[in-house]
N, C-alpha and C. Protein backbone atom coordinates (compact mmCIF):
# COMPACT_ATOMS: atom_id res chain seq x y z
N MET A 1 -25.28 25.51 -45.24
CA MET A 1 -26.57 24.90 -45.44
C MET A 1 -26.45 23.56 -46.15
N ALA A 2 -25.45 23.46 -47.02
CA ALA A 2 -25.27 22.20 -47.75
C ALA A 2 -24.94 21.05 -46.81
N TRP A 3 -24.18 21.36 -45.74
CA TRP A 3 -23.82 20.30 -44.80
C TRP A 3 -25.06 19.76 -44.09
N MET A 4 -26.03 20.63 -43.83
CA MET A 4 -27.24 20.19 -43.14
C MET A 4 -28.07 19.26 -44.05
N LEU A 5 -28.18 19.63 -45.30
CA LEU A 5 -28.91 18.77 -46.25
C LEU A 5 -28.19 17.44 -46.41
N SER A 6 -26.87 17.49 -46.50
CA SER A 6 -26.08 16.28 -46.64
C SER A 6 -26.25 15.38 -45.41
N ALA A 7 -26.22 15.98 -44.22
CA ALA A 7 -26.40 15.21 -43.00
C ALA A 7 -27.80 14.59 -42.95
N TYR A 8 -28.79 15.35 -43.35
CA TYR A 8 -30.16 14.85 -43.36
C TYR A 8 -30.31 13.67 -44.32
N GLN A 9 -29.70 13.79 -45.50
CA GLN A 9 -29.81 12.73 -46.50
C GLN A 9 -29.00 11.49 -46.11
N THR A 10 -27.96 11.68 -45.31
CA THR A 10 -27.14 10.57 -44.86
C THR A 10 -27.91 9.66 -43.92
N LEU A 11 -28.78 10.25 -43.14
CA LEU A 11 -29.60 9.45 -42.22
C LEU A 11 -30.56 8.57 -43.01
N GLY A 12 -30.75 7.38 -42.54
CA GLY A 12 -31.72 6.50 -43.17
C GLY A 12 -33.13 7.01 -42.96
N ARG A 13 -34.05 6.54 -43.76
CA ARG A 13 -35.44 6.99 -43.67
C ARG A 13 -36.00 6.77 -42.27
N LYS A 14 -35.66 5.63 -41.68
CA LYS A 14 -36.14 5.28 -40.34
C LYS A 14 -35.73 6.36 -39.33
N TYR A 15 -34.50 6.83 -39.41
CA TYR A 15 -34.02 7.84 -38.47
C TYR A 15 -34.58 9.22 -38.77
N ARG A 16 -34.70 9.55 -40.05
CA ARG A 16 -35.28 10.85 -40.41
C ARG A 16 -36.71 10.96 -39.90
N LYS A 17 -37.45 9.90 -40.01
CA LYS A 17 -38.84 9.92 -39.57
C LYS A 17 -38.95 9.92 -38.06
N GLY A 18 -37.90 9.42 -37.37
CA GLY A 18 -37.93 9.35 -35.92
C GLY A 18 -37.51 10.62 -35.20
N ILE A 19 -36.99 11.60 -35.94
CA ILE A 19 -36.55 12.85 -35.31
C ILE A 19 -37.78 13.58 -34.77
N LYS A 20 -37.73 13.91 -33.49
CA LYS A 20 -38.85 14.63 -32.87
C LYS A 20 -38.66 16.14 -33.00
N LYS A 21 -37.43 16.62 -32.71
CA LYS A 21 -37.12 18.04 -32.82
C LYS A 21 -35.66 18.18 -33.21
N LEU A 22 -35.38 19.21 -33.98
CA LEU A 22 -34.01 19.56 -34.33
C LEU A 22 -33.79 20.98 -33.84
N PHE A 23 -32.93 21.13 -32.84
CA PHE A 23 -32.65 22.44 -32.29
C PHE A 23 -31.48 23.07 -33.01
N ILE A 24 -31.64 24.32 -33.40
CA ILE A 24 -30.58 25.09 -34.02
C ILE A 24 -30.30 26.28 -33.11
N VAL A 25 -29.05 26.36 -32.65
CA VAL A 25 -28.66 27.39 -31.69
C VAL A 25 -27.86 28.47 -32.41
N HIS A 26 -28.09 29.71 -32.06
CA HIS A 26 -27.36 30.86 -32.61
C HIS A 26 -27.55 31.02 -34.11
N SER A 27 -28.71 30.77 -34.61
CA SER A 27 -28.92 30.90 -36.06
C SER A 27 -29.08 32.37 -36.43
N GLY A 28 -28.58 32.69 -37.60
CA GLY A 28 -28.74 34.04 -38.11
C GLY A 28 -30.03 34.16 -38.91
N THR A 29 -30.35 35.36 -39.28
CA THR A 29 -31.58 35.59 -40.04
C THR A 29 -31.55 34.85 -41.37
N TRP A 30 -30.41 34.90 -42.05
CA TRP A 30 -30.29 34.24 -43.35
C TRP A 30 -30.52 32.74 -43.23
N THR A 31 -29.95 32.13 -42.19
CA THR A 31 -30.13 30.70 -41.95
C THR A 31 -31.60 30.37 -41.75
N ARG A 32 -32.28 31.16 -40.97
CA ARG A 32 -33.71 30.92 -40.72
C ARG A 32 -34.53 31.03 -42.01
N ILE A 33 -34.23 32.04 -42.80
CA ILE A 33 -34.98 32.24 -44.05
C ILE A 33 -34.77 31.05 -44.98
N VAL A 34 -33.52 30.66 -45.16
CA VAL A 34 -33.22 29.54 -46.06
C VAL A 34 -33.88 28.26 -45.58
N LEU A 35 -33.78 27.99 -44.27
CA LEU A 35 -34.39 26.77 -43.75
C LEU A 35 -35.91 26.79 -43.85
N GLU A 36 -36.50 27.94 -43.64
CA GLU A 36 -37.96 28.03 -43.76
C GLU A 36 -38.41 27.74 -45.18
N VAL A 37 -37.76 28.37 -46.15
CA VAL A 37 -38.14 28.18 -47.56
C VAL A 37 -37.85 26.76 -48.01
N ALA A 38 -36.63 26.29 -47.73
CA ALA A 38 -36.25 24.93 -48.15
C ALA A 38 -37.12 23.89 -47.45
N GLY A 39 -37.40 24.11 -46.19
CA GLY A 39 -38.20 23.15 -45.44
C GLY A 39 -39.61 23.01 -45.99
N ARG A 40 -40.17 24.10 -46.42
CA ARG A 40 -41.53 24.05 -46.95
C ARG A 40 -41.58 23.37 -48.32
N VAL A 41 -40.50 23.47 -49.06
CA VAL A 41 -40.46 22.84 -50.39
C VAL A 41 -40.06 21.38 -50.29
N VAL A 42 -38.99 21.10 -49.54
CA VAL A 42 -38.45 19.74 -49.47
C VAL A 42 -39.29 18.84 -48.58
N SER A 43 -39.55 19.29 -47.35
CA SER A 43 -40.31 18.47 -46.41
C SER A 43 -41.00 19.34 -45.38
N PRO A 44 -42.23 19.71 -45.62
CA PRO A 44 -42.96 20.55 -44.66
C PRO A 44 -43.05 19.92 -43.28
N LYS A 45 -43.19 18.61 -43.23
CA LYS A 45 -43.29 17.93 -41.94
C LYS A 45 -41.98 18.07 -41.17
N PHE A 46 -40.85 17.91 -41.86
CA PHE A 46 -39.56 18.07 -41.20
C PHE A 46 -39.34 19.51 -40.77
N ALA A 47 -39.79 20.46 -41.57
CA ALA A 47 -39.62 21.88 -41.24
C ALA A 47 -40.31 22.22 -39.92
N ARG A 48 -41.41 21.56 -39.63
CA ARG A 48 -42.11 21.81 -38.37
C ARG A 48 -41.33 21.30 -37.16
N LYS A 49 -40.37 20.40 -37.37
CA LYS A 49 -39.58 19.84 -36.28
C LYS A 49 -38.41 20.74 -35.90
N ILE A 50 -38.09 21.74 -36.71
CA ILE A 50 -36.96 22.62 -36.44
C ILE A 50 -37.37 23.66 -35.40
N LYS A 51 -36.57 23.75 -34.35
CA LYS A 51 -36.79 24.73 -33.28
C LYS A 51 -35.53 25.58 -33.15
N TYR A 52 -35.70 26.87 -33.01
CA TYR A 52 -34.57 27.79 -32.91
C TYR A 52 -34.41 28.26 -31.47
N THR A 53 -33.18 28.29 -31.00
CA THR A 53 -32.88 28.85 -29.69
C THR A 53 -31.73 29.84 -29.86
N GLY A 54 -31.77 30.90 -29.11
CA GLY A 54 -30.76 31.94 -29.23
C GLY A 54 -29.51 31.68 -28.41
N THR A 55 -29.67 30.92 -27.32
CA THR A 55 -28.53 30.68 -26.44
C THR A 55 -28.52 29.23 -25.97
N LEU A 56 -27.38 28.83 -25.43
CA LEU A 56 -27.30 27.48 -24.87
C LEU A 56 -28.18 27.35 -23.63
N SER A 57 -28.39 28.45 -22.93
CA SER A 57 -29.28 28.42 -21.76
C SER A 57 -30.70 28.07 -22.18
N GLU A 58 -31.14 28.62 -23.30
CA GLU A 58 -32.48 28.28 -23.81
C GLU A 58 -32.53 26.81 -24.22
N LEU A 59 -31.46 26.32 -24.83
CA LEU A 59 -31.41 24.92 -25.22
C LEU A 59 -31.48 24.02 -23.99
N ALA A 60 -30.82 24.44 -22.91
CA ALA A 60 -30.80 23.65 -21.67
C ALA A 60 -32.19 23.52 -21.05
N GLU A 61 -33.10 24.42 -21.40
CA GLU A 61 -34.47 24.31 -20.90
C GLU A 61 -35.20 23.13 -21.53
N HIS A 62 -34.70 22.66 -22.68
CA HIS A 62 -35.36 21.57 -23.40
C HIS A 62 -34.65 20.23 -23.24
N ILE A 63 -33.32 20.26 -23.24
CA ILE A 63 -32.54 19.03 -23.13
C ILE A 63 -31.29 19.29 -22.27
N PRO A 64 -30.80 18.26 -21.56
CA PRO A 64 -29.59 18.45 -20.77
C PRO A 64 -28.37 18.67 -21.68
N LEU A 65 -27.61 19.69 -21.41
CA LEU A 65 -26.45 20.00 -22.25
C LEU A 65 -25.38 18.93 -22.18
N THR A 66 -25.38 18.15 -21.12
CA THR A 66 -24.39 17.07 -21.00
C THR A 66 -24.59 16.01 -22.08
N LYS A 67 -25.78 15.97 -22.66
CA LYS A 67 -26.08 14.99 -23.71
C LYS A 67 -25.62 15.43 -25.09
N VAL A 68 -25.38 16.74 -25.28
CA VAL A 68 -25.10 17.22 -26.63
C VAL A 68 -23.80 17.98 -26.80
N LEU A 69 -23.19 18.45 -25.71
CA LEU A 69 -22.00 19.26 -25.82
C LEU A 69 -20.78 18.58 -25.22
N PRO A 70 -19.63 18.69 -25.91
CA PRO A 70 -18.40 18.16 -25.31
C PRO A 70 -18.03 18.96 -24.07
N LEU A 71 -17.25 18.37 -23.20
CA LEU A 71 -16.89 18.98 -21.93
C LEU A 71 -16.23 20.34 -22.08
N ASP A 72 -15.36 20.52 -23.07
CA ASP A 72 -14.66 21.79 -23.22
C ASP A 72 -15.60 22.93 -23.61
N VAL A 73 -16.69 22.64 -24.29
CA VAL A 73 -17.67 23.65 -24.65
C VAL A 73 -18.52 24.03 -23.44
N ARG A 74 -18.77 23.04 -22.59
CA ARG A 74 -19.57 23.28 -21.39
C ARG A 74 -18.80 24.04 -20.32
N GLY A 75 -17.49 24.19 -20.51
CA GLY A 75 -16.70 24.95 -19.55
C GLY A 75 -16.11 24.07 -18.46
N GLY A 76 -16.05 22.76 -18.70
CA GLY A 76 -15.52 21.88 -17.67
C GLY A 76 -14.10 21.47 -17.90
């Protein structure tokens, strides 16, 4: 979880405000709970941008996997 906060803080304000959705794939229950609580305290607006998907197939329904996954992960 610390890496996610660090990554978020590394982005400039302009980029943080420009994020439309943040997809998290294969999240566990603990991850969801922590993100929900932290999101509501730190930035409720940002918390609303977080979307959870259980599989890469679900993610592919929203964005092309060729844009986010390296070739070896895609099975090529």
